């Protein structure tokens, strides 16, 4: 096996456990702070609706 293939394989074997750990941490944080996550989504939805309304009013003005 060439040195380049070994390096790619080593990188994949290193990154896979790191990805699993980050995934578990992210999901556990989302579940632990679920009310805050819902608040953030509601806030983002509100901002998106407000910007949509501004765009509609701006398009009517032109």
PDB file of N, CA and C in Angstrom:
ATOM      1  N   UNK A   1       0.853  -1.180   0.000  1.00  0.00           N
ATOM      2  CA  UNK A   1       0.000   0.000   0.000  1.00  0.00           C
ATOM      3  C   UNK A   1       0.896   1.238   0.000  1.00  0.00           C
ATOM      4  N   UNK A   2       0.541   2.224  -0.784  1.00  0.00           N
ATOM      5  CA  UNK A   2       1.367   3.420  -0.855  1.00  0.00           C
ATOM      6  C   UNK A   2       1.197   4.262   0.412  1.00  0.00           C
ATOM      7  N   UNK A   3       2.153   5.139   0.605  1.00  0.00           N
ATOM      8  CA  UNK A   3       2.150   6.001   1.795  1.00  0.00           C
ATOM      9  C   UNK A   3       0.948   6.939   1.804  1.00  0.00           C
ATOM     10  N   UNK A   4       0.527   7.390   0.632  1.00  0.00           N
ATOM     11  CA  UNK A   4      -0.615   8.306   0.537  1.00  0.00           C
ATOM     12  C   UNK A   4      -1.909   7.611   0.960  1.00  0.00           C
ATOM     13  N   UNK A   5      -2.081   6.347   0.576  1.00  0.00           N
ATOM     14  CA  UNK A   5      -3.282   5.611   0.958  1.00  0.00           C
ATOM     15  C   UNK A   5      -3.297   5.353   2.458  1.00  0.00           C
ATOM     16  N   UNK A   6      -2.122   5.081   3.037  1.00  0.00           N
ATOM     17  CA  UNK A   6      -2.046   4.872   4.485  1.00  0.00           C
ATOM     18  C   UNK A   6      -2.420   6.146   5.226  1.00  0.00           C
ATOM     19  N   UNK A   7      -1.970   7.288   4.717  1.00  0.00           N
ATOM     20  CA  UNK A   7      -2.282   8.555   5.366  1.00  0.00           C
ATOM     21  C   UNK A   7      -3.780   8.835   5.320  1.00  0.00           C
ATOM     22  N   UNK A   8      -4.408   8.571   4.181  1.00  0.00           N
ATOM     23  CA  UNK A   8      -5.856   8.777   4.076  1.00  0.00           C
ATOM     24  C   UNK A   8      -6.610   7.846   5.013  1.00  0.00           C
ATOM     25  N   UNK A   9      -6.158   6.603   5.103  1.00  0.00           N
ATOM     26  CA  UNK A   9      -6.833   5.639   5.976  1.00  0.00           C
ATOM     27  C   UNK A   9      -6.670   6.048   7.434  1.00  0.00           C
ATOM     28  N   UNK A  10      -5.468   6.491   7.816  1.00  0.00           N
ATOM     29  CA  UNK A  10      -5.245   6.943   9.188  1.00  0.00           C
ATOM     30  C   UNK A  10      -6.108   8.155   9.511  1.00  0.00           C
ATOM     31  N   UNK A  11      -6.261   9.056   8.544  1.00  0.00           N
ATOM     32  CA  UNK A  11      -7.082  10.233   8.767  1.00  0.00           C
ATOM     33  C   UNK A  11      -8.539   9.835   8.971  1.00  0.00           C
ATOM     34  N   UNK A  12      -9.019   8.895   8.166  1.00  0.00           N
ATOM     35  CA  UNK A  12     -10.410   8.448   8.304  1.00  0.00           C
ATOM     36  C   UNK A  12     -10.627   7.744   9.641  1.00  0.00           C
ATOM     37  N   UNK A  13      -9.681   6.920  10.055  1.00  0.00           N
ATOM     38  CA  UNK A  13      -9.855   6.207  11.325  1.00  0.00           C
ATOM     39  C   UNK A  13      -9.753   7.156  12.510  1.00  0.00           C
ATOM     40  N   UNK A  14      -9.091   8.287  12.331  1.00  0.00           N
ATOM     41  CA  UNK A  14      -9.028   9.285  13.397  1.00  0.00           C
ATOM     42  C   UNK A  14     -10.285  10.149  13.413  1.00  0.00           C
ATOM     43  N   UNK A  15     -10.773  10.509  12.256  1.00  0.00           N
ATOM     44  CA  UNK A  15     -11.909  11.420  12.166  1.00  0.00           C
ATOM     45  C   UNK A  15     -13.239  10.752  12.523  1.00  0.00           C
ATOM     46  N   UNK A  16     -13.375   9.460  12.281  1.00  0.00           N
ATOM     47  CA  UNK A  16     -14.639   8.776  12.555  1.00  0.00           C
ATOM     48  C   UNK A  16     -15.015   8.834  14.037  1.00  0.00           C
ATOM     49  N   UNK A  17     -14.117   8.427  14.967  1.00  0.00           N
ATOM     50  CA  UNK A  17     -14.507   8.537  16.391  1.00  0.00           C
ATOM     51  C   UNK A  17     -14.761   9.977  16.820  1.00  0.00           C
ATOM     52  N   UNK A  18     -13.995  10.905  16.267  1.00  0.00           N
ATOM     53  CA  UNK A  18     -14.216  12.316  16.600  1.00  0.00           C
ATOM     54  C   UNK A  18     -15.601  12.758  16.147  1.00  0.00           C
ATOM     55  N   UNK A  19     -16.002  12.338  14.955  1.00  0.00           N
ATOM     56  CA  UNK A  19     -17.331  12.671  14.454  1.00  0.00           C
ATOM     57  C   UNK A  19     -18.436  12.086  15.315  1.00  0.00           C
ATOM     58  N   UNK A  20     -18.252  10.844  15.750  1.00  0.00           N
ATOM     59  CA  UNK A  20     -19.254  10.199  16.621  1.00  0.00           C
ATOM     60  C   UNK A  20     -19.374  10.953  17.941  1.00  0.00           C
ATOM     61  N   UNK A  21     -18.239  11.322  18.523  1.00  0.00           N
ATOM     62  CA  UNK A  21     -18.255  12.042  19.800  1.00  0.00           C
ATOM     63  C   UNK A  21     -18.942  13.390  19.645  1.00  0.00           C
ATOM     64  N   UNK A  22     -18.625  14.122  18.577  1.00  0.00           N
ATOM     65  CA  UNK A  22     -19.255  15.418  18.359  1.00  0.00           C
ATOM     66  C   UNK A  22     -20.753  15.278  18.116  1.00  0.00           C
ATOM     67  N   UNK A  23     -21.144  14.240  17.395  1.00  0.00           N
ATOM     68  CA  UNK A  23     -22.564  13.996  17.154  1.00  0.00           C
ATOM     69  C   UNK A  23     -23.302  13.725  18.460  1.00  0.00           C
ATOM     70  N   UNK A  24     -22.749  12.890  19.304  1.00  0.00           N
ATOM     71  CA  UNK A  24     -23.380  12.570  20.590  1.00  0.00           C
ATOM     72  C   UNK A  24     -23.462  13.807  21.470  1.00  0.00           C
ATOM     73  N   UNK A  25     -22.375  14.586  21.520  1.00  0.00           N
ATOM     74  CA  UNK A  25     -22.398  15.812  22.322  1.00  0.00           C
ATOM     75  C   UNK A  25     -23.438  16.806  21.805  1.00  0.00           C
ATOM     76  N   UNK A  26     -23.511  16.972  20.490  1.00  0.00           N
ATOM     77  CA  UNK A  26     -24.474  17.904  19.919  1.00  0.00           C
ATOM     78  C   UNK A  26     -25.904  17.507  20.198  1.00  0.00           C
ATOM     79  N   UNK A  27     -26.218  16.237  20.010  1.00  0.00           N
ATOM     80  CA  UNK A  27     -27.590  15.768  20.246  1.00  0.00           C
ATOM     81  C   UNK A  27     -27.945  15.880  21.729  1.00  0.00           C
ATOM     82  N   UNK A  28     -26.999  15.534  22.608  1.00  0.00           N
ATOM     83  CA  UNK A  28     -27.293  15.630  24.041  1.00  0.00           C
ATOM     84  C   UNK A  28     -27.493  17.080  24.474  1.00  0.00           C
ATOM     85  N   UNK A  29     -26.729  18.007  23.878  1.00  0.00           N
ATOM     86  CA  UNK A  29     -26.925  19.412  24.221  1.00  0.00           C
ATOM     87  C   UNK A  29     -28.264  19.926  23.715  1.00  0.00           C
ATOM     88  N   UNK A  30     -28.668  19.498  22.528  1.00  0.00           N
ATOM     89  CA  UNK A  30     -29.975  19.904  22.003  1.00  0.00           C
ATOM     90  C   UNK A  30     -31.082  19.385  22.905  1.00  0.00           C
ATOM     91  N   UNK A  31     -30.978  18.129  23.326  1.00  0.00           N
ATOM     92  CA  UNK A  31     -32.020  17.560  24.180  1.00  0.00           C
ATOM     93  C   UNK A  31     -32.019  18.188  25.561  1.00  0.00           C
ATOM     94  N   UNK A  32     -30.839  18.505  26.094  1.00  0.00           N
ATOM     95  CA  UNK A  32     -30.756  19.099  27.429  1.00  0.00           C
ATOM     96  C   UNK A  32     -31.338  20.511  27.441  1.00  0.00           C
ATOM     97  N   UNK A  33     -31.139  21.248  26.355  1.00  0.00           N
ATOM     98  CA  UNK A  33     -31.600  22.630  26.291  1.00  0.00           C
ATOM     99  C   UNK A  33     -32.742  22.784  25.311  1.00  0.00           C
ATOM    100  N   UNK A  34     -33.642  21.826  25.270  1.00  0.00           N
ATOM    101  CA  UNK A  34     -34.713  21.846  24.285  1.00  0.00           C
ATOM    102  C   UNK A  34     -35.561  23.116  24.318  1.00  0.00           C
ATOM    103  N   UNK A  35     -35.976  23.621  25.495  1.00  0.00           N
ATOM    104  CA  UNK A  35     -36.776  24.867  25.484  1.00  0.00           C
ATOM    105  C   UNK A  35     -36.025  26.042  24.859  1.00  0.00           C
ATOM    106  N   UNK A  36     -34.714  26.109  25.103  1.00  0.00           N
ATOM    107  CA  UNK A  36     -33.923  27.179  24.502  1.00  0.00           C
ATOM    108  C   UNK A  36     -33.819  27.006  22.988  1.00  0.00           C
ATOM    109  N   UNK A  37     -33.696  25.766  22.541  1.00  0.00           N
ATOM    110  CA  UNK A  37     -33.631  25.493  21.106  1.00  0.00           C
ATOM    111  C   UNK A  37     -34.929  25.929  20.430  1.00  0.00           C
ATOM    112  N   UNK A  38     -36.052  25.633  21.065  1.00  0.00           N
ATOM    113  CA  UNK A  38     -37.345  26.038  20.514  1.00  0.00           C
ATOM    114  C   UNK A  38     -37.439  27.558  20.464  1.00  0.00           C
ATOM    115  N   UNK A  39     -36.944  28.229  21.498  1.00  0.00           N
ATOM    116  CA  UNK A  39     -36.967  29.696  21.509  1.00  0.00           C
ATOM    117  C   UNK A  39     -36.135  30.272  20.372  1.00  0.00           C
ATOM    118  N   UNK A  40     -34.985  29.691  20.120  1.00  0.00           N
ATOM    119  CA  UNK A  40     -34.129  30.170  19.030  1.00  0.00           C
ATOM    120  C   UNK A  40     -34.843  29.978  17.692  1.00  0.00           C
ATOM    121  N   UNK A  41     -35.450  28.806  17.484  1.00  0.00           N
ATOM    122  CA  UNK A  41     -36.165  28.562  16.233  1.00  0.00           C
ATOM    123  C   UNK A  41     -37.331  29.532  16.064  1.00  0.00           C
ATOM    124  N   UNK A  42     -38.050  29.801  17.144  1.00  0.00           N
ATOM    125  CA  UNK A  42     -39.155  30.754  17.064  1.00  0.00           C
ATOM    126  C   UNK A  42     -38.638  32.149  16.732  1.00  0.00           C
ATOM    127  N   UNK A  43     -37.529  32.524  17.354  1.00  0.00           N
ATOM    128  CA  UNK A  43     -36.937  33.832  17.064  1.00  0.00           C
ATOM    129  C   UNK A  43     -36.495  33.937  15.617  1.00  0.00           C
ATOM    130  N   UNK A  44     -35.848  32.893  15.102  1.00  0.00           N
ATOM    131  CA  UNK A  44     -35.415  32.902  13.704  1.00  0.00           C
ATOM    132  C   UNK A  44     -36.608  32.936  12.755  1.00  0.00           C
ATOM    133  N   UNK A  45     -37.656  32.215  13.105  1.00  0.00           N
ATOM    134  CA  UNK A  45     -38.866  32.228  12.280  1.00  0.00           C
ATOM    135  C   UNK A  45     -39.502  33.617  12.287  1.00  0.00           C
ATOM    136  N   UNK A  46     -39.521  34.247  13.439  1.00  0.00           N
ATOM    137  CA  UNK A  46     -40.068  35.599  13.533  1.00  0.00           C
ATOM    138  C   UNK A  46     -39.266  36.590  12.703  1.00  0.00           C
ATOM    139  N   UNK A  47     -37.943  36.492  12.755  1.00  0.00           N
ATOM    140  CA  UNK A  47     -37.095  37.381  11.959  1.00  0.00           C
ATOM    141  C   UNK A  47     -37.339  37.139  10.473  1.00  0.00           C
ATOM    142  N   UNK A  48     -37.443  35.867  10.077  1.00  0.00           N
ATOM    143  CA  UNK A  48     -37.669  35.536   8.667  1.00  0.00           C
ATOM    144  C   UNK A  48     -39.017  36.083   8.195  1.00  0.00           C
ATOM    145  N   UNK A  49     -40.045  35.958   9.014  1.00  0.00           N
ATOM    146  CA  UNK A  49     -41.356  36.495   8.637  1.00  0.00           C
ATOM    147  C   UNK A  49     -41.329  38.016   8.544  1.00  0.00           C
ATOM    148  N   UNK A  50     -40.640  38.670   9.471  1.00  0.00           N
ATOM    149  CA  UNK A  50     -40.544  40.123   9.434  1.00  0.00           C
ATOM    150  C   UNK A  50     -39.803  40.581   8.180  1.00  0.00           C
ATOM    151  N   UNK A  51     -38.708  39.913   7.839  1.00  0.00           N
ATOM    152  CA  UNK A  51     -37.981  40.272   6.622  1.00  0.00           C
ATOM    153  C   UNK A  51     -38.821  40.009   5.373  1.00  0.00           C
ATOM    154  N   UNK A  52     -39.579  38.914   5.390  1.00  0.00           N
ATOM    155  CA  UNK A  52     -40.476  38.639   4.270  1.00  0.00           C
ATOM    156  C   UNK A  52     -41.514  39.730   4.114  1.00  0.00           C
ATOM    157  N   UNK A  53     -42.071  40.187   5.217  1.00  0.00           N
ATOM    158  CA  UNK A  53     -43.046  41.280   5.165  1.00  0.00           C
ATOM    159  C   UNK A  53     -42.428  42.556   4.643  1.00  0.00           C
ATOM    160  N   UNK A  54     -41.194  42.852   5.079  1.00  0.00           N
ATOM    161  CA  UNK A  54     -40.513  44.040   4.567  1.00  0.00           C
ATOM    162  C   UNK A  54     -40.268  43.936   3.070  1.00  0.00           C
ATOM    163  N   UNK A  55     -39.892  42.756   2.599  1.00  0.00           N
ATOM    164  CA  UNK A  55     -39.658  42.571   1.166  1.00  0.00           C
ATOM    165  C   UNK A  55     -40.942  42.737   0.363  1.00  0.00           C
ATOM    166  N   UNK A  56     -42.052  42.243   0.894  1.00  0.00           N
ATOM    167  CA  UNK A  56     -43.338  42.412   0.201  1.00  0.00           C
ATOM    168  C   UNK A  56     -43.703  43.885   0.144  1.00  0.00           C
ATOM    169  N   UNK A  57     -43.560  44.579   1.263  1.00  0.00           N
ATOM    170  CA  UNK A  57     -43.883  46.008   1.271  1.00  0.00           C
ATOM    171  C   UNK A  57     -42.939  46.802   0.373  1.00  0.00           C
ATOM    172  N   UNK A  58     -41.686  46.430   0.325  1.00  0.00           N
ATOM    173  CA  UNK A  58     -40.723  47.109  -0.542  1.00  0.00           C
ATOM    174  C   UNK A  58     -41.072  46.884  -2.015  1.00  0.00           C
ATOM    175  N   UNK A  59     -41.490  45.654  -2.341  1.00  0.00           N
ATOM    176  CA  UNK A  59     -41.836  45.364  -3.739  1.00  0.00           C
ATOM    177  C   UNK A  59     -43.102  46.111  -4.151  1.00  0.00           C
ATOM    178  N   UNK A  60     -44.016  46.345  -3.204  1.00  0.00           N
ATOM    179  CA  UNK A  60     -45.228  47.122  -3.513  1.00  0.00           C
ATOM    180  C   UNK A  60     -44.897  48.588  -3.730  1.00  0.00           C
ATOM    181  N   UNK A  61     -43.873  49.057  -3.054  1.00  0.00           N
ATOM    182  CA  UNK A  61     -43.495  50.453  -3.136  1.00  0.00           C
ATOM    183  C   UNK A  61     -42.863  50.781  -4.490  1.00  0.00           C
ATOM    184  N   UNK A  62     -42.208  49.834  -5.089  1.00  0.00           N
ATOM    185  CA  UNK A  62     -41.504  50.078  -6.369  1.00  0.00           C
ATOM    186  C   UNK A  62     -42.421  49.991  -7.535  1.00  0.00           C
TER     187      UNK A  62
END
